[in-house]
Protein backbone atom coordinates (compact mmCIF):
# COMPACT_ATOMS: atom_id res chain seq x y z
CA UNK A 1 0.00 0.00 0.00
CA UNK A 2 2.90 2.35 0.68
CA UNK A 3 4.07 2.03 -2.94
CA UNK A 4 0.58 2.74 -4.26
CA UNK A 5 0.21 5.77 -1.98
CA UNK A 6 3.58 7.16 -3.05
CA UNK A 7 2.72 6.73 -6.75
CA UNK A 8 -0.75 8.28 -6.46
CA UNK A 9 0.61 11.26 -4.50
CA UNK A 10 3.40 11.77 -7.06
CA UNK A 11 0.97 11.65 -10.00
CA UNK A 12 -1.42 14.07 -8.28
CA UNK A 13 1.41 16.45 -7.36
CA UNK A 14 2.63 16.37 -10.98
CA UNK A 15 -0.90 17.24 -12.17
CA UNK A 16 -1.13 14.06 -14.23
CA UNK A 17 -4.34 12.33 -15.21
CA UNK A 18 -4.66 9.11 -13.19
CA UNK A 19 -6.30 5.77 -13.97
CA UNK A 20 -7.05 3.33 -11.15
CA UNK A 21 -7.89 -0.28 -12.01
CA UNK A 22 -9.68 -2.58 -9.55
CA UNK A 23 -10.16 0.21 -7.00
CA UNK A 24 -12.11 -1.79 -4.46
CA UNK A 25 -12.99 -5.26 -3.25
CA UNK A 26 -14.42 -6.81 -0.11
CA UNK A 27 -10.99 -6.76 1.53
CA UNK A 28 -10.08 -3.31 0.12
CA UNK A 29 -13.36 -1.45 0.56
CA UNK A 30 -11.75 1.86 1.62
CA UNK A 31 -8.93 2.07 -0.94
CA UNK A 32 -10.65 4.48 -3.32
CA UNK A 33 -11.60 6.82 -0.49
CA UNK A 34 -7.99 6.79 0.71
CA UNK A 35 -6.70 7.43 -2.82
CA UNK A 36 -9.11 10.35 -3.21
CA UNK A 37 -7.81 11.83 0.03
CA UNK A 38 -4.24 11.73 -1.24
CA UNK A 39 -5.23 13.26 -4.58
CA UNK A 40 -7.23 16.01 -2.85
CA UNK A 41 -4.01 17.18 -1.23
CA UNK A 42 -2.97 18.44 -4.69
CA UNK A 43 -6.15 18.67 -6.79
CA UNK A 44 -9.40 20.57 -6.34
CA UNK A 45 -12.64 18.79 -5.37
CA UNK A 46 -14.12 20.04 -8.68
CA UNK A 47 -11.58 18.03 -10.72
CA UNK A 48 -13.42 16.08 -13.43
CA UNK A 49 -13.40 12.31 -12.90
CA UNK A 50 -15.03 9.35 -14.56
CA UNK A 51 -16.04 5.79 -13.81
CA UNK A 52 -16.56 2.98 -16.24
CA UNK A 53 -18.15 -0.16 -14.90
CA UNK A 54 -17.96 -3.56 -16.60
CA UNK A 55 -15.72 -2.38 -19.47
CA UNK A 56 -16.26 -4.60 -22.49
CA UNK A 57 -18.95 -6.62 -20.72
CA UNK A 58 -22.71 -6.62 -20.86
CA UNK A 59 -24.02 -3.83 -18.67
CA UNK A 60 -21.09 -1.48 -19.33
CA UNK A 61 -21.86 1.98 -17.97
CA UNK A 62 -20.09 5.31 -17.64
CA UNK A 63 -20.42 8.19 -15.19
CA UNK A 64 -18.78 11.62 -15.05
CA UNK A 65 -18.45 13.20 -11.61
CA UNK A 66 -16.15 15.41 -9.56
CA UNK A 67 -13.29 14.29 -7.37
CA UNK A 68 -15.30 15.37 -4.34
CA UNK A 69 -18.19 13.16 -5.44
CA UNK A 70 -15.88 10.30 -6.30
CA UNK A 71 -14.75 10.05 -2.68
CA UNK A 72 -18.26 8.98 -1.68
CA UNK A 73 -19.00 6.71 -4.65
CA UNK A 74 -19.25 2.95 -4.30
CA UNK A 75 -17.10 1.01 -6.76
CA UNK A 76 -16.00 -2.59 -7.15
CA UNK A 77 -13.20 -4.51 -8.79
CA UNK A 78 -14.97 -4.27 -12.17
CA UNK A 79 -14.82 -0.46 -12.12
CA UNK A 80 -12.07 1.61 -13.70
CA UNK A 81 -11.62 5.09 -12.22
CA UNK A 82 -10.26 8.03 -14.19
CA UNK A 83 -9.12 11.19 -12.37
CA UNK A 84 -8.46 14.18 -14.60
CA UNK A 85 -5.85 16.85 -14.12
CA UNK A 86 -6.31 20.60 -13.70
CA UNK A 87 -7.01 21.00 -17.45
CA UNK A 88 -9.57 18.19 -17.76
CA UNK A 89 -13.06 19.31 -18.73
CA UNK A 90 -16.39 17.66 -19.41
CA UNK A 91 -17.30 18.02 -23.09
CA UNK A 92 -20.38 16.38 -24.55
CA UNK A 93 -20.71 14.01 -21.61
CA UNK A 94 -17.08 12.86 -21.85
CA UNK A 95 -13.85 13.64 -20.01
CA UNK A 96 -11.41 15.58 -22.16
CA UNK A 97 -7.83 16.32 -21.15
CA UNK A 98 -6.19 18.54 -23.78
CA UNK A 99 -2.84 17.52 -25.18
CA UNK A 100 0.08 19.88 -24.87
CA UNK A 101 0.88 22.60 -22.38
CA UNK A 102 -0.85 25.59 -23.95
CA UNK A 103 -2.92 27.63 -21.49
CA UNK A 104 -6.57 27.54 -22.51
PDB file of N, CA and C in Angstrom:
ATOM      1  N   UNK A   1       0.823  -1.198   0.000  1.00  0.00           N
ATOM      2  CA  UNK A   1       0.000   0.000   0.000  1.00  0.00           C
ATOM      3  C   UNK A   1       0.863   1.257   0.000  1.00  0.00           C
ATOM      4  N   UNK A   2       2.013   1.187   0.640  1.00  0.00           N
ATOM      5  CA  UNK A   2       2.903   2.355   0.678  1.00  0.00           C
ATOM      6  C   UNK A   2       3.368   2.750  -0.724  1.00  0.00           C
ATOM      7  N   UNK A   3       3.641   1.756  -1.571  1.00  0.00           N
ATOM      8  CA  UNK A   3       4.074   2.034  -2.941  1.00  0.00           C
ATOM      9  C   UNK A   3       2.939   2.691  -3.720  1.00  0.00           C
ATOM     10  N   UNK A   4       1.734   2.169  -3.573  1.00  0.00           N
ATOM     11  CA  UNK A   4       0.576   2.744  -4.261  1.00  0.00           C
ATOM     12  C   UNK A   4       0.351   4.176  -3.804  1.00  0.00           C
ATOM     13  N   UNK A   5       0.394   4.412  -2.505  1.00  0.00           N
ATOM     14  CA  UNK A   5       0.209   5.768  -1.979  1.00  0.00           C
ATOM     15  C   UNK A   5       1.260   6.715  -2.548  1.00  0.00           C
ATOM     16  N   UNK A   6       2.502   6.304  -2.550  1.00  0.00           N
ATOM     17  CA  UNK A   6       3.583   7.156  -3.054  1.00  0.00           C
ATOM     18  C   UNK A   6       3.367   7.490  -4.531  1.00  0.00           C
ATOM     19  N   UNK A   7       2.937   6.511  -5.312  1.00  0.00           N
ATOM     20  CA  UNK A   7       2.722   6.733  -6.747  1.00  0.00           C
ATOM     21  C   UNK A   7       1.526   7.641  -7.000  1.00  0.00           C
ATOM     22  N   UNK A   8       0.439   7.432  -6.268  1.00  0.00           N
ATOM     23  CA  UNK A   8      -0.749   8.283  -6.455  1.00  0.00           C
ATOM     24  C   UNK A   8      -0.432   9.716  -6.054  1.00  0.00           C
ATOM     25  N   UNK A   9       0.235   9.909  -4.928  1.00  0.00           N
ATOM     26  CA  UNK A   9       0.609  11.261  -4.499  1.00  0.00           C
ATOM     27  C   UNK A   9       1.506  11.942  -5.538  1.00  0.00           C
ATOM     28  N   UNK A  10       2.474  11.199  -6.066  1.00  0.00           N
ATOM     29  CA  UNK A  10       3.398  11.766  -7.056  1.00  0.00           C
ATOM     30  C   UNK A  10       2.652  12.176  -8.325  1.00  0.00           C
ATOM     31  N   UNK A  11       1.745  11.327  -8.793  1.00  0.00           N
ATOM     32  CA  UNK A  11       0.974  11.651 -10.001  1.00  0.00           C
ATOM     33  C   UNK A  11       0.083  12.862  -9.767  1.00  0.00           C
ATOM     34  N   UNK A  12      -0.556  12.929  -8.593  1.00  0.00           N
ATOM     35  CA  UNK A  12      -1.424  14.070  -8.276  1.00  0.00           C
ATOM     36  C   UNK A  12      -0.608  15.349  -8.159  1.00  0.00           C
ATOM     37  N   UNK A  13       0.549  15.277  -7.513  1.00  0.00           N
ATOM     38  CA  UNK A  13       1.405  16.445  -7.361  1.00  0.00           C
ATOM     39  C   UNK A  13       1.899  16.942  -8.720  1.00  0.00           C
ATOM     40  N   UNK A  14       2.153  16.019  -9.639  1.00  0.00           N
ATOM     41  CA  UNK A  14       2.631  16.366 -10.979  1.00  0.00           C
ATOM     42  C   UNK A  14       1.500  16.813 -11.898  1.00  0.00           C
ATOM     43  N   UNK A  15       0.275  16.836 -11.396  1.00  0.00           N
ATOM     44  CA  UNK A  15      -0.903  17.239 -12.167  1.00  0.00           C
ATOM     45  C   UNK A  15      -1.117  16.333 -13.378  1.00  0.00           C
ATOM     46  N   UNK A  16      -0.907  15.045 -13.178  1.00  0.00           N
ATOM     47  CA  UNK A  16      -1.126  14.063 -14.231  1.00  0.00           C
ATOM     48  C   UNK A  16      -2.518  13.465 -14.105  1.00  0.00           C
ATOM     49  N   UNK A  17      -3.105  13.104 -15.240  1.00  0.00           N
ATOM     50  CA  UNK A  17      -4.344  12.330 -15.207  1.00  0.00           C
ATOM     51  C   UNK A  17      -4.002  10.944 -14.660  1.00  0.00           C
ATOM     52  N   UNK A  18      -4.917  10.367 -13.887  1.00  0.00           N
ATOM     53  CA  UNK A  18      -4.659   9.112 -13.194  1.00  0.00           C
ATOM     54  C   UNK A  18      -5.749   8.109 -13.543  1.00  0.00           C
ATOM     55  N   UNK A  19      -5.356   6.864 -13.737  1.00  0.00           N
ATOM     56  CA  UNK A  19      -6.302   5.774 -13.968  1.00  0.00           C
ATOM     57  C   UNK A  19      -6.072   4.733 -12.885  1.00  0.00           C
ATOM     58  N   UNK A  20      -7.148   4.321 -12.226  1.00  0.00           N
ATOM     59  CA  UNK A  20      -7.051   3.333 -11.155  1.00  0.00           C
ATOM     60  C   UNK A  20      -7.895   2.121 -11.542  1.00  0.00           C
ATOM     61  N   UNK A  21      -7.228   0.980 -11.680  1.00  0.00           N
ATOM     62  CA  UNK A  21      -7.890  -0.275 -12.007  1.00  0.00           C
ATOM     63  C   UNK A  21      -8.208  -1.025 -10.724  1.00  0.00           C
ATOM     64  N   UNK A  22      -9.296  -1.767 -10.706  1.00  0.00           N
ATOM     65  CA  UNK A  22      -9.681  -2.582  -9.551  1.00  0.00           C
ATOM     66  C   UNK A  22      -9.577  -1.785  -8.247  1.00  0.00           C
ATOM     67  N   UNK A  23     -10.328  -0.697  -8.133  1.00  0.00           N
ATOM     68  CA  UNK A  23     -10.155   0.209  -6.998  1.00  0.00           C
ATOM     69  C   UNK A  23     -10.750  -0.258  -5.681  1.00  0.00           C
ATOM     70  N   UNK A  24     -11.472  -1.357  -5.689  1.00  0.00           N
ATOM     71  CA  UNK A  24     -12.115  -1.791  -4.456  1.00  0.00           C
ATOM     72  C   UNK A  24     -12.452  -3.272  -4.532  1.00  0.00           C
ATOM     73  N   UNK A  25     -12.530  -3.875  -3.373  1.00  0.00           N
ATOM     74  CA  UNK A  25     -12.991  -5.257  -3.253  1.00  0.00           C
ATOM     75  C   UNK A  25     -13.494  -5.427  -1.822  1.00  0.00           C
ATOM     76  N   UNK A  26     -13.943  -6.601  -1.476  1.00  0.00           N
ATOM     77  CA  UNK A  26     -14.422  -6.814  -0.108  1.00  0.00           C
ATOM     78  C   UNK A  26     -13.322  -6.555   0.911  1.00  0.00           C
ATOM     79  N   UNK A  27     -12.110  -6.964   0.599  1.00  0.00           N
ATOM     80  CA  UNK A  27     -10.989  -6.764   1.528  1.00  0.00           C
ATOM     81  C   UNK A  27     -10.395  -5.362   1.436  1.00  0.00           C
ATOM     82  N   UNK A  28     -10.647  -4.648   0.338  1.00  0.00           N
ATOM     83  CA  UNK A  28     -10.080  -3.312   0.125  1.00  0.00           C
ATOM     84  C   UNK A  28     -11.181  -2.273  -0.075  1.00  0.00           C
ATOM     85  N   UNK A  29     -12.180  -2.294   0.744  1.00  0.00           N
ATOM     86  CA  UNK A  29     -13.362  -1.450   0.559  1.00  0.00           C
ATOM     87  C   UNK A  29     -13.054   0.043   0.668  1.00  0.00           C
ATOM     88  N   UNK A  30     -12.024   0.425   1.396  1.00  0.00           N
ATOM     89  CA  UNK A  30     -11.747   1.858   1.620  1.00  0.00           C
ATOM     90  C   UNK A  30     -10.626   2.404   0.746  1.00  0.00           C
ATOM     91  N   UNK A  31     -10.083   1.624  -0.168  1.00  0.00           N
ATOM     92  CA  UNK A  31      -8.927   2.073  -0.937  1.00  0.00           C
ATOM     93  C   UNK A  31      -9.216   3.290  -1.808  1.00  0.00           C
ATOM     94  N   UNK A  32     -10.358   3.333  -2.465  1.00  0.00           N
ATOM     95  CA  UNK A  32     -10.647   4.484  -3.322  1.00  0.00           C
ATOM     96  C   UNK A  32     -10.794   5.743  -2.481  1.00  0.00           C
ATOM     97  N   UNK A  33     -11.449   5.653  -1.365  1.00  0.00           N
ATOM     98  CA  UNK A  33     -11.597   6.822  -0.489  1.00  0.00           C
ATOM     99  C   UNK A  33     -10.222   7.322  -0.041  1.00  0.00           C
ATOM    100  N   UNK A  34      -9.345   6.404   0.299  1.00  0.00           N
ATOM    101  CA  UNK A  34      -7.989   6.790   0.709  1.00  0.00           C
ATOM    102  C   UNK A  34      -7.247   7.449  -0.446  1.00  0.00           C
ATOM    103  N   UNK A  35      -7.358   6.863  -1.643  1.00  0.00           N
ATOM    104  CA  UNK A  35      -6.702   7.426  -2.820  1.00  0.00           C
ATOM    105  C   UNK A  35      -7.221   8.834  -3.104  1.00  0.00           C
ATOM    106  N   UNK A  36      -8.530   9.024  -2.993  1.00  0.00           N
ATOM    107  CA  UNK A  36      -9.115  10.354  -3.210  1.00  0.00           C
ATOM    108  C   UNK A  36      -8.543  11.355  -2.209  1.00  0.00           C
ATOM    109  N   UNK A  37      -8.384  10.950  -0.974  1.00  0.00           N
ATOM    110  CA  UNK A  37      -7.805  11.827   0.033  1.00  0.00           C
ATOM    111  C   UNK A  37      -6.410  12.279  -0.331  1.00  0.00           C
ATOM    112  N   UNK A  38      -5.595  11.362  -0.829  1.00  0.00           N
ATOM    113  CA  UNK A  38      -4.241  11.726  -1.235  1.00  0.00           C
ATOM    114  C   UNK A  38      -4.271  12.678  -2.428  1.00  0.00           C
ATOM    115  N   UNK A  39      -5.143  12.410  -3.389  1.00  0.00           N
ATOM    116  CA  UNK A  39      -5.235  13.259  -4.577  1.00  0.00           C
ATOM    117  C   UNK A  39      -5.731  14.648  -4.200  1.00  0.00           C
ATOM    118  N   UNK A  40      -6.682  14.714  -3.272  1.00  0.00           N
ATOM    119  CA  UNK A  40      -7.228  16.013  -2.850  1.00  0.00           C
ATOM    120  C   UNK A  40      -6.189  16.905  -2.167  1.00  0.00           C
ATOM    121  N   UNK A  41      -5.081  16.352  -1.776  1.00  0.00           N
ATOM    122  CA  UNK A  41      -4.007  17.180  -1.227  1.00  0.00           C
ATOM    123  C   UNK A  41      -3.406  18.077  -2.298  1.00  0.00           C
ATOM    124  N   UNK A  42      -3.585  17.710  -3.583  1.00  0.00           N
ATOM    125  CA  UNK A  42      -2.971  18.444  -4.694  1.00  0.00           C
ATOM    126  C   UNK A  42      -3.970  18.922  -5.741  1.00  0.00           C
ATOM    127  N   UNK A  43      -5.149  18.321  -5.783  1.00  0.00           N
ATOM    128  CA  UNK A  43      -6.145  18.667  -6.794  1.00  0.00           C
ATOM    129  C   UNK A  43      -7.413  19.200  -6.129  1.00  0.00           C
ATOM    130  N   UNK A  44      -8.167  19.977  -6.869  1.00  0.00           N
ATOM    131  CA  UNK A  44      -9.402  20.566  -6.339  1.00  0.00           C
ATOM    132  C   UNK A  44     -10.543  19.546  -6.328  1.00  0.00           C
ATOM    133  N   UNK A  45     -11.485  19.699  -5.408  1.00  0.00           N
ATOM    134  CA  UNK A  45     -12.639  18.794  -5.366  1.00  0.00           C
ATOM    135  C   UNK A  45     -13.458  18.822  -6.662  1.00  0.00           C
ATOM    136  N   UNK A  46     -13.368  19.900  -7.427  1.00  0.00           N
ATOM    137  CA  UNK A  46     -14.120  20.038  -8.683  1.00  0.00           C
ATOM    138  C   UNK A  46     -13.446  19.340  -9.859  1.00  0.00           C
ATOM    139  N   UNK A  47     -12.293  18.732  -9.651  1.00  0.00           N
ATOM    140  CA  UNK A  47     -11.585  18.033 -10.723  1.00  0.00           C
ATOM    141  C   UNK A  47     -12.516  17.000 -11.371  1.00  0.00           C
ATOM    142  N   UNK A  48     -12.554  17.003 -12.697  1.00  0.00           N
ATOM    143  CA  UNK A  48     -13.422  16.083 -13.434  1.00  0.00           C
ATOM    144  C   UNK A  48     -12.867  14.653 -13.344  1.00  0.00           C
ATOM    145  N   UNK A  49     -13.754  13.735 -13.010  1.00  0.00           N
ATOM    146  CA  UNK A  49     -13.403  12.309 -12.897  1.00  0.00           C
ATOM    147  C   UNK A  49     -14.431  11.482 -13.650  1.00  0.00           C
ATOM    148  N   UNK A  50     -14.095  10.246 -13.897  1.00  0.00           N
ATOM    149  CA  UNK A  50     -15.026   9.347 -14.558  1.00  0.00           C
ATOM    150  C   UNK A  50     -14.909   7.937 -14.027  1.00  0.00           C
ATOM    151  N   UNK A  51     -15.990   7.206 -14.168  1.00  0.00           N
ATOM    152  CA  UNK A  51     -16.038   5.793 -13.811  1.00  0.00           C
ATOM    153  C   UNK A  51     -16.575   5.034 -15.012  1.00  0.00           C
ATOM    154  N   UNK A  52     -15.983   3.889 -15.265  1.00  0.00           N
ATOM    155  CA  UNK A  52     -16.565   2.975 -16.243  1.00  0.00           C
ATOM    156  C   UNK A  52     -16.669   1.630 -15.545  1.00  0.00           C
ATOM    157  N   UNK A  53     -17.879   1.134 -15.524  1.00  0.00           N
ATOM    158  CA  UNK A  53     -18.145  -0.162 -14.896  1.00  0.00           C
ATOM    159  C   UNK A  53     -18.303  -1.230 -15.974  1.00  0.00           C
ATOM    160  N   UNK A  54     -17.786  -2.407 -15.712  1.00  0.00           N
ATOM    161  CA  UNK A  54     -17.957  -3.561 -16.599  1.00  0.00           C
ATOM    162  C   UNK A  54     -17.447  -3.277 -18.016  1.00  0.00           C
ATOM    163  N   UNK A  55     -16.254  -2.708 -18.143  1.00  0.00           N
ATOM    164  CA  UNK A  55     -15.715  -2.378 -19.469  1.00  0.00           C
ATOM    165  C   UNK A  55     -15.656  -3.631 -20.343  1.00  0.00           C
ATOM    166  N   UNK A  56     -16.272  -3.516 -21.532  1.00  0.00           N
ATOM    167  CA  UNK A  56     -16.265  -4.605 -22.494  1.00  0.00           C
ATOM    168  C   UNK A  56     -17.207  -5.749 -22.167  1.00  0.00           C
ATOM    169  N   UNK A  57     -18.010  -5.567 -21.116  1.00  0.00           N
ATOM    170  CA  UNK A  57     -18.950  -6.624 -20.723  1.00  0.00           C
ATOM    171  C   UNK A  57     -20.381  -6.102 -20.870  1.00  0.00           C
ATOM    172  N   UNK A  58     -21.307  -7.027 -20.854  1.00  0.00           N
ATOM    173  CA  UNK A  58     -22.711  -6.621 -20.859  1.00  0.00           C
ATOM    174  C   UNK A  58     -22.969  -5.778 -19.617  1.00  0.00           C
ATOM    175  N   UNK A  59     -23.717  -4.718 -19.787  1.00  0.00           N
ATOM    176  CA  UNK A  59     -24.018  -3.835 -18.667  1.00  0.00           C
ATOM    177  C   UNK A  59     -22.995  -2.730 -18.469  1.00  0.00           C
ATOM    178  N   UNK A  60     -22.087  -2.548 -19.438  1.00  0.00           N
ATOM    179  CA  UNK A  60     -21.094  -1.481 -19.328  1.00  0.00           C
ATOM    180  C   UNK A  60     -21.800  -0.139 -19.130  1.00  0.00           C
ATOM    181  N   UNK A  61     -21.288   0.657 -18.201  1.00  0.00           N
ATOM    182  CA  UNK A  61     -21.858   1.984 -17.968  1.00  0.00           C
ATOM    183  C   UNK A  61     -20.747   2.970 -17.629  1.00  0.00           C
ATOM    184  N   UNK A  62     -21.058   4.241 -17.839  1.00  0.00           N
ATOM    185  CA  UNK A  62     -20.086   5.306 -17.640  1.00  0.00           C
ATOM    186  C   UNK A  62     -20.729   6.407 -16.820  1.00  0.00           C
ATOM    187  N   UNK A  63     -19.934   7.076 -16.008  1.00  0.00           N
ATOM    188  CA  UNK A  63     -20.419   8.187 -15.187  1.00  0.00           C
ATOM    189  C   UNK A  63     -19.323   9.240 -15.082  1.00  0.00           C
ATOM    190  N   UNK A  64     -19.702  10.492 -15.242  1.00  0.00           N
ATOM    191  CA  UNK A  64     -18.784  11.616 -15.045  1.00  0.00           C
ATOM    192  C   UNK A  64     -19.172  12.275 -13.727  1.00  0.00           C
ATOM    193  N   UNK A  65     -18.193  12.572 -12.904  1.00  0.00           N
ATOM    194  CA  UNK A  65     -18.446  13.199 -11.609  1.00  0.00           C
ATOM    195  C   UNK A  65     -17.213  13.973 -11.185  1.00  0.00           C
ATOM    196  N   UNK A  66     -17.291  14.652 -10.058  1.00  0.00           N
ATOM    197  CA  UNK A  66     -16.152  15.414  -9.557  1.00  0.00           C
ATOM    198  C   UNK A  66     -15.334  14.549  -8.600  1.00  0.00           C
ATOM    199  N   UNK A  67     -14.134  14.984  -8.329  1.00  0.00           N
ATOM    200  CA  UNK A  67     -13.287  14.285  -7.373  1.00  0.00           C
ATOM    201  C   UNK A  67     -13.942  14.248  -6.000  1.00  0.00           C
ATOM    202  N   UNK A  68     -14.581  15.343  -5.610  1.00  0.00           N
ATOM    203  CA  UNK A  68     -15.297  15.367  -4.342  1.00  0.00           C
ATOM    204  C   UNK A  68     -16.405  14.334  -4.286  1.00  0.00           C
ATOM    205  N   UNK A  69     -17.129  14.178  -5.373  1.00  0.00           N
ATOM    206  CA  UNK A  69     -18.194  13.164  -5.436  1.00  0.00           C
ATOM    207  C   UNK A  69     -17.623  11.751  -5.486  1.00  0.00           C
ATOM    208  N   UNK A  70     -16.501  11.608  -6.168  1.00  0.00           N
ATOM    209  CA  UNK A  70     -15.876  10.297  -6.303  1.00  0.00           C
ATOM    210  C   UNK A  70     -15.536   9.695  -4.940  1.00  0.00           C
ATOM    211  N   UNK A  71     -15.123  10.528  -4.018  1.00  0.00           N
ATOM    212  CA  UNK A  71     -14.749  10.049  -2.675  1.00  0.00           C
ATOM    213  C   UNK A  71     -15.865   9.264  -2.005  1.00  0.00           C
ATOM    214  N   UNK A  72     -17.097   9.600  -2.330  1.00  0.00           N
ATOM    215  CA  UNK A  72     -18.261   8.979  -1.678  1.00  0.00           C
ATOM    216  C   UNK A  72     -18.976   7.979  -2.568  1.00  0.00           C
ATOM    217  N   UNK A  73     -18.357   7.597  -3.679  1.00  0.00           N
ATOM    218  CA  UNK A  73     -18.998   6.712  -4.650  1.00  0.00           C
ATOM    219  C   UNK A  73     -18.570   5.268  -4.441  1.00  0.00           C
ATOM    220  N   UNK A  74     -19.536   4.375  -4.442  1.00  0.00           N
ATOM    221  CA  UNK A  74     -19.248   2.951  -4.298  1.00  0.00           C
ATOM    222  C   UNK A  74     -18.754   2.395  -5.632  1.00  0.00           C
ATOM    223  N   UNK A  75     -17.660   1.659  -5.581  1.00  0.00           N
ATOM    224  CA  UNK A  75     -17.101   1.012  -6.764  1.00  0.00           C
ATOM    225  C   UNK A  75     -16.744  -0.429  -6.394  1.00  0.00           C
ATOM    226  N   UNK A  76     -16.434  -1.223  -7.405  1.00  0.00           N
ATOM    227  CA  UNK A  76     -15.996  -2.590  -7.150  1.00  0.00           C
ATOM    228  C   UNK A  76     -14.802  -2.900  -8.046  1.00  0.00           C
ATOM    229  N   UNK A  77     -14.388  -4.143  -8.030  1.00  0.00           N
ATOM    230  CA  UNK A  77     -13.200  -4.510  -8.788  1.00  0.00           C
ATOM    231  C   UNK A  77     -13.433  -4.543 -10.299  1.00  0.00           C
ATOM    232  N   UNK A  78     -14.671  -4.344 -10.739  1.00  0.00           N
ATOM    233  CA  UNK A  78     -14.971  -4.275 -12.166  1.00  0.00           C
ATOM    234  C   UNK A  78     -15.156  -2.834 -12.636  1.00  0.00           C
ATOM    235  N   UNK A  79     -14.732  -1.886 -11.806  1.00  0.00           N
ATOM    236  CA  UNK A  79     -14.823  -0.465 -12.119  1.00  0.00           C
ATOM    237  C   UNK A  79     -13.433   0.068 -12.416  1.00  0.00           C
ATOM    238  N   UNK A  80     -13.317   0.892 -13.433  1.00  0.00           N
ATOM    239  CA  UNK A  80     -12.074   1.608 -13.704  1.00  0.00           C
ATOM    240  C   UNK A  80     -12.347   3.074 -13.426  1.00  0.00           C
ATOM    241  N   UNK A  81     -11.458   3.698 -12.655  1.00  0.00           N
ATOM    242  CA  UNK A  81     -11.617   5.085 -12.223  1.00  0.00           C
ATOM    243  C   UNK A  81     -10.623   5.955 -12.983  1.00  0.00           C
ATOM    244  N   UNK A  82     -11.102   7.070 -13.494  1.00  0.00           N
ATOM    245  CA  UNK A  82     -10.260   8.033 -14.190  1.00  0.00           C
ATOM    246  C   UNK A  82     -10.335   9.360 -13.429  1.00  0.00           C
ATOM    247  N   UNK A  83      -9.193   9.892 -13.055  1.00  0.00           N
ATOM    248  CA  UNK A  83      -9.122  11.188 -12.375  1.00  0.00           C
ATOM    249  C   UNK A  83      -8.406  12.136 -13.318  1.00  0.00           C
ATOM    250  N   UNK A  84      -9.068  13.215 -13.683  1.00  0.00           N
ATOM    251  CA  UNK A  84      -8.465  14.178 -14.598  1.00  0.00           C
ATOM    252  C   UNK A  84      -7.401  15.012 -13.917  1.00  0.00           C
ATOM    253  N   UNK A  85      -6.790  15.890 -14.697  1.00  0.00           N
ATOM    254  CA  UNK A  85      -5.850  16.849 -14.122  1.00  0.00           C
ATOM    255  C   UNK A  85      -6.496  18.229 -14.113  1.00  0.00           C
ATOM    256  N   UNK A  86      -5.725  19.253 -13.831  1.00  0.00           N
ATOM    257  CA  UNK A  86      -6.306  20.597 -13.698  1.00  0.00           C
ATOM    258  C   UNK A  86      -6.863  21.141 -15.011  1.00  0.00           C
ATOM    259  N   UNK A  87      -6.513  20.541 -16.147  1.00  0.00           N
ATOM    260  CA  UNK A  87      -7.015  20.997 -17.450  1.00  0.00           C
ATOM    261  C   UNK A  87      -8.191  20.168 -17.958  1.00  0.00           C
ATOM    262  N   UNK A  88      -8.509  19.083 -17.305  1.00  0.00           N
ATOM    263  CA  UNK A  88      -9.567  18.192 -17.763  1.00  0.00           C
ATOM    264  C   UNK A  88     -10.928  18.876 -17.644  1.00  0.00           C
ATOM    265  N   UNK A  89     -11.726  18.730 -18.677  1.00  0.00           N
ATOM    266  CA  UNK A  89     -13.064  19.309 -18.725  1.00  0.00           C
ATOM    267  C   UNK A  89     -14.063  18.242 -19.168  1.00  0.00           C
ATOM    268  N   UNK A  90     -15.324  18.518 -18.897  1.00  0.00           N
ATOM    269  CA  UNK A  90     -16.387  17.661 -19.408  1.00  0.00           C
ATOM    270  C   UNK A  90     -16.893  18.297 -20.694  1.00  0.00           C
ATOM    271  N   UNK A  91     -16.867  17.539 -21.784  1.00  0.00           N
ATOM    272  CA  UNK A  91     -17.297  18.024 -23.091  1.00  0.00           C
ATOM    273  C   UNK A  91     -18.196  16.958 -23.702  1.00  0.00           C
ATOM    274  N   UNK A  92     -19.444  17.316 -23.925  1.00  0.00           N
ATOM    275  CA  UNK A  92     -20.378  16.378 -24.546  1.00  0.00           C
ATOM    276  C   UNK A  92     -20.542  15.089 -23.761  1.00  0.00           C
ATOM    277  N   UNK A  93     -20.522  15.187 -22.449  1.00  0.00           N
ATOM    278  CA  UNK A  93     -20.710  14.008 -21.615  1.00  0.00           C
ATOM    279  C   UNK A  93     -19.482  13.116 -21.503  1.00  0.00           C
ATOM    280  N   UNK A  94     -18.339  13.624 -21.903  1.00  0.00           N
ATOM    281  CA  UNK A  94     -17.076  12.864 -21.850  1.00  0.00           C
ATOM    282  C   UNK A  94     -16.004  13.677 -21.131  1.00  0.00           C
ATOM    283  N   UNK A  95     -15.024  12.986 -20.583  1.00  0.00           N
ATOM    284  CA  UNK A  95     -13.851  13.642 -20.008  1.00  0.00           C
ATOM    285  C   UNK A  95     -12.890  13.968 -21.135  1.00  0.00           C
ATOM    286  N   UNK A  96     -12.387  15.196 -21.158  1.00  0.00           N
ATOM    287  CA  UNK A  96     -11.405  15.583 -22.165  1.00  0.00           C
ATOM    288  C   UNK A  96     -10.237  16.261 -21.457  1.00  0.00           C
ATOM    289  N   UNK A  97      -9.044  15.710 -21.659  1.00  0.00           N
ATOM    290  CA  UNK A  97      -7.827  16.325 -21.148  1.00  0.00           C
ATOM    291  C   UNK A  97      -7.022  16.750 -22.363  1.00  0.00           C
ATOM    292  N   UNK A  98      -6.894  18.065 -22.582  1.00  0.00           N
ATOM    293  CA  UNK A  98      -6.190  18.543 -23.775  1.00  0.00           C
ATOM    294  C   UNK A  98      -4.744  18.065 -23.812  1.00  0.00           C
ATOM    295  N   UNK A  99      -4.255  17.841 -25.006  1.00  0.00           N
ATOM    296  CA  UNK A  99      -2.842  17.520 -25.175  1.00  0.00           C
ATOM    297  C   UNK A  99      -2.044  18.809 -25.168  1.00  0.00           C
ATOM    298  N   UNK A 100      -0.791  18.721 -24.847  1.00  0.00           N
ATOM    299  CA  UNK A 100       0.081  19.882 -24.871  1.00  0.00           C
ATOM    300  C   UNK A 100       0.034  20.683 -23.593  1.00  0.00           C
ATOM    301  N   UNK A 101       0.738  21.794 -23.581  1.00  0.00           N
ATOM    302  CA  UNK A 101       0.876  22.603 -22.382  1.00  0.00           C
ATOM    303  C   UNK A 101       0.406  24.021 -22.586  1.00  0.00           C
ATOM    304  N   UNK A 102      -0.327  24.270 -23.651  1.00  0.00           N
ATOM    305  CA  UNK A 102      -0.847  25.589 -23.947  1.00  0.00           C
ATOM    306  C   UNK A 102      -1.926  25.952 -22.939  1.00  0.00           C
ATOM    307  N   UNK A 103      -1.871  27.152 -22.411  1.00  0.00           N
ATOM    308  CA  UNK A 103      -2.923  27.629 -21.491  1.00  0.00           C
ATOM    309  C   UNK A 103      -4.185  27.881 -22.287  1.00  0.00           C
ATOM    310  N   UNK A 104      -5.293  27.359 -21.802  1.00  0.00           N
ATOM    311  CA  UNK A 104      -6.565  27.535 -22.508  1.00  0.00           C
ATOM    312  C   UNK A 104      -7.564  28.234 -21.646  1.00  0.00           C
TER     313      UNK A 104
END
